[in-house]
Protein backbone atom coordinates (compact mmCIF):
# COMPACT_ATOMS: atom_id res chain seq x y z
CA UNK A 1 -5.55 51.23 44.08
CA UNK A 2 -1.84 50.02 44.36
CA UNK A 3 -3.01 46.51 44.73
CA UNK A 4 -5.22 46.80 41.70
CA UNK A 5 -2.30 47.97 39.62
CA UNK A 6 0.04 45.28 40.91
CA UNK A 7 -2.47 42.58 40.08
CA UNK A 8 -2.81 44.03 36.47
CA UNK A 9 0.88 44.33 36.15
CA UNK A 10 1.41 40.62 37.30
CA UNK A 11 -1.33 39.48 34.84
CA UNK A 12 0.22 41.38 31.84
CA UNK A 13 3.71 39.82 32.85
CA UNK A 14 2.22 36.32 32.72
CA UNK A 15 0.51 37.07 29.43
CA UNK A 16 3.61 38.48 27.76
CA UNK A 17 6.01 35.77 29.18
CA UNK A 18 7.04 33.47 26.31
CA UNK A 19 6.16 29.95 27.10
CA UNK A 20 7.27 27.16 24.79
CA UNK A 21 3.98 25.36 25.01
CA UNK A 22 2.07 28.03 23.12
CA UNK A 23 0.71 27.09 19.63
CA UNK A 24 2.77 24.84 17.55
CA UNK A 25 1.48 23.16 14.43
CA UNK A 26 1.99 19.62 13.21
CA UNK A 27 1.85 18.37 9.72
CA UNK A 28 2.08 15.16 7.87
CA UNK A 29 3.35 14.50 4.34
CA UNK A 30 3.21 11.16 2.48
CA UNK A 31 4.54 9.67 -0.83
CA UNK A 32 4.52 6.38 -2.53
CA UNK A 33 7.76 4.36 -3.42
CA UNK A 34 6.87 1.19 -5.14
CA UNK A 35 4.40 -0.78 -3.00
CA UNK A 36 5.18 1.17 0.11
CA UNK A 37 3.73 4.47 1.50
CA UNK A 38 6.18 6.75 3.34
CA UNK A 39 4.81 9.30 5.93
CA UNK A 40 6.82 12.02 7.47
CA UNK A 41 5.47 13.87 10.50
CA UNK A 42 6.77 17.27 11.59
CA UNK A 43 6.06 20.38 13.76
CA UNK A 44 7.50 23.76 13.65
CA UNK A 45 9.83 22.44 16.47
CA UNK A 46 11.15 19.38 14.62
CA UNK A 47 10.15 15.81 13.92
CA UNK A 48 7.13 14.35 15.61
CA UNK A 49 8.24 11.17 17.36
CA UNK A 50 5.98 8.41 18.73
CA UNK A 51 2.75 9.87 17.38
CA UNK A 52 -0.12 7.78 16.00
CA UNK A 53 -0.70 7.50 12.31
CA UNK A 54 -4.07 6.45 11.17
CA UNK A 55 -4.74 5.42 7.59
CA UNK A 56 -8.35 5.53 6.25
CA UNK A 57 -9.67 4.85 2.72
CA UNK A 58 -11.74 7.63 1.22
CA UNK A 59 -15.06 6.35 2.68
CA UNK A 60 -13.68 6.85 6.15
CA UNK A 61 -12.96 3.21 6.94
CA UNK A 62 -9.86 2.70 9.02
CA UNK A 63 -7.43 0.54 7.24
CA UNK A 64 -4.46 0.45 9.59
CA UNK A 65 -2.55 2.35 12.40
CA UNK A 66 1.06 2.76 13.42
CA UNK A 67 3.52 5.00 15.20
CA UNK A 68 6.19 7.33 13.98
CA UNK A 69 9.75 6.46 14.64
CA UNK A 70 12.59 8.65 15.95
CA UNK A 71 12.82 10.38 12.62
CA UNK A 72 9.12 11.09 12.52
CA UNK A 73 8.69 8.50 9.74
CA UNK A 74 6.13 5.75 9.41
CA UNK A 75 6.40 3.30 6.49
CA UNK A 76 3.74 0.71 5.44
CA UNK A 77 2.74 -1.55 2.58
CA UNK A 78 0.09 0.14 0.48
CA UNK A 79 -2.99 -1.95 1.61
CA UNK A 80 -5.31 -0.91 -1.33
CA UNK A 81 -5.42 0.70 -4.61
CA UNK A 82 -6.81 4.20 -4.55
CA UNK A 83 -6.54 7.33 -2.54
CA UNK A 84 -5.75 7.23 1.16
CA UNK A 85 -6.38 9.68 4.03
CA UNK A 86 -3.45 9.82 6.40
CA UNK A 87 -4.18 11.26 9.83
CA UNK A 88 -1.30 12.35 12.30
CA UNK A 89 -2.72 12.17 15.90
CA UNK A 90 -0.11 13.87 18.10
CA UNK A 91 -0.60 14.48 21.82
CA UNK A 92 -2.91 17.12 23.35
CA UNK A 93 -5.28 17.42 20.41
CA UNK A 94 -2.64 18.20 17.75
CA UNK A 95 -3.99 16.62 14.50
CA UNK A 96 -3.00 16.86 10.85
CA UNK A 97 -4.39 15.22 7.70
CA UNK A 98 -3.09 14.48 4.27
CA UNK A 99 -4.89 12.85 1.28
CA UNK A 100 -2.57 10.71 -0.61
CA UNK A 101 -3.56 10.34 -4.29
CA UNK A 102 -2.40 6.83 -5.24
CA UNK A 103 -2.45 6.09 -9.05
CA UNK A 104 -4.23 2.97 -10.04
CA UNK A 105 -1.87 0.34 -11.46
CA UNK A 106 -3.05 -1.37 -14.58
CA UNK A 107 -3.90 -5.04 -14.22
CA UNK A 108 -1.60 -7.63 -15.78
CA UNK A 109 2.01 -8.43 -15.38
CA UNK A 110 4.37 -6.52 -13.17
CA UNK A 111 6.32 -4.00 -15.16
CA UNK A 112 9.93 -4.91 -14.39
CA UNK A 113 12.10 -4.92 -17.47
CA UNK A 114 15.85 -5.73 -16.86
CA UNK A 115 18.53 -3.93 -18.58
CA UNK A 116 19.28 -7.07 -20.74
CA UNK A 117 15.73 -6.85 -21.92
CA UNK A 118 16.24 -3.36 -23.30
CA UNK A 119 19.88 -3.70 -24.42
CA UNK A 120 19.30 -2.90 -27.98
CA UNK A 121 16.75 -0.85 -29.83
CA UNK A 122 14.98 -3.90 -31.32
CA UNK A 123 13.89 -4.91 -27.80
CA UNK A 124 12.69 -1.43 -27.04
CA UNK A 125 10.59 -1.32 -30.12
CA UNK A 126 9.09 -4.68 -29.15
CA UNK A 127 8.37 -3.88 -25.52
CA UNK A 128 4.82 -3.09 -24.55
CA UNK A 129 4.12 0.66 -24.17
CA UNK A 130 2.53 -0.01 -20.68
CA UNK A 131 5.56 -1.83 -19.44
CA UNK A 132 7.82 1.08 -20.51
CA UNK A 133 5.54 3.57 -18.85
CA UNK A 134 5.35 1.52 -15.63
CA UNK A 135 9.19 1.15 -15.70
CA UNK A 136 9.40 4.96 -16.04
CA UNK A 137 7.06 5.65 -13.33
CA UNK A 138 8.92 3.39 -10.87
CA UNK A 139 12.22 4.99 -11.84
CA UNK A 140 10.73 8.42 -11.35
CA UNK A 141 9.41 7.42 -7.90
CA UNK A 142 12.97 6.35 -6.97
CA UNK A 143 14.44 9.60 -8.25
CA UNK A 144 11.79 11.94 -6.85
CA UNK A 145 11.68 10.52 -3.24
CA UNK A 146 14.52 12.65 -2.03
CA UNK A 147 12.64 15.67 -3.40
CA UNK A 148 9.51 14.57 -1.53
CA UNK A 149 11.51 14.42 1.64
CA UNK A 150 13.01 17.88 1.10
CA UNK A 151 9.62 19.36 0.50
CA UNK A 152 8.50 17.99 3.86
CA UNK A 153 11.55 19.62 5.47
CA UNK A 154 10.75 22.92 3.85
CA UNK A 155 7.29 22.68 5.15
CA UNK A 156 8.52 21.91 8.61
CA UNK A 157 10.87 24.86 8.60
CA UNK A 158 8.11 27.30 7.53
CA UNK A 159 8.54 30.47 9.57
CA UNK A 160 6.33 33.16 10.55
CA UNK A 161 3.07 33.50 8.47
CA UNK A 162 0.91 36.56 7.72
CA UNK A 163 -1.64 35.17 10.17
CA UNK A 164 1.07 35.44 12.92
CA UNK A 165 1.91 38.94 12.04
CA UNK A 166 -1.72 40.06 11.92
CA UNK A 167 -2.35 38.23 15.31
CA UNK A 168 0.62 40.08 16.85
CA UNK A 169 -0.49 43.47 15.65
CA UNK A 170 -3.98 42.79 17.06
CA UNK A 171 -2.47 41.78 20.28
CA UNK A 172 -0.47 45.02 20.55
CA UNK A 173 -3.42 47.15 19.70
CA UNK A 174 -5.48 45.37 22.46
CA UNK A 175 -2.72 46.09 25.00
CA UNK A 176 -2.63 49.64 24.06
CA UNK A 177 -6.41 49.94 24.43
CA UNK A 178 -6.27 48.29 27.84
CA UNK A 179 -3.49 50.78 28.83
CA UNK A 180 -5.50 53.83 27.70
CA UNK A 181 -8.60 52.53 29.45
CA UNK A 182 -6.65 52.29 32.65
CA UNK A 183 -4.98 55.61 32.14
CA UNK A 184 -8.39 57.33 31.61
CA UNK A 185 -10.03 55.63 34.69
CA UNK A 186 -6.96 56.57 36.76
CA UNK A 187 -7.35 60.17 36.09
CA UNK A 188 -10.73 60.06 37.81
CA UNK A 189 -12.66 61.27 34.74
CA UNK A 190 -15.89 59.38 34.09
CA UNK A 191 -15.71 57.22 31.02
CA UNK A 192 -17.94 58.23 28.04
CA UNK A 193 -20.63 55.74 27.28
């Protein structure tokens, strides 16, 4: 009987021993700056370094593949117009997906207006509204890219979730049930069926 209790005790110690390999999530976030797509990969332990990034179109056709750098970032030139599915394939089956919605650019001349072109109000009135909108869009992309990076960092630092709490409570209840079962059988009483 002592051997039985010792084995149970050892098993419970191994189960309760914190191991760093247990359950860590990975995630990927992407944004567009000009004609480039930036991806940032993260886990709840930090940046994901050296992981494969696969880029697909919305029909599932693989467009390109690359690896994250030491900062967990992978940058590529946008190969197509339209939405992209970006897949992070980390080691040991860890995987994350992100759908990047890429706005369609209007056909025609590139919208780059220099400051000399808009130096006075008459030039602004004469400028094509599409050019102004594209210029504003490019400027907003530049200004908002640091915010996209901060959002990715906040996602990375996400702490304990409600699923973790409920799982922990269930784990404790299960161990209490096991302890009560062993206590009941140790007393020599037959278990009720």
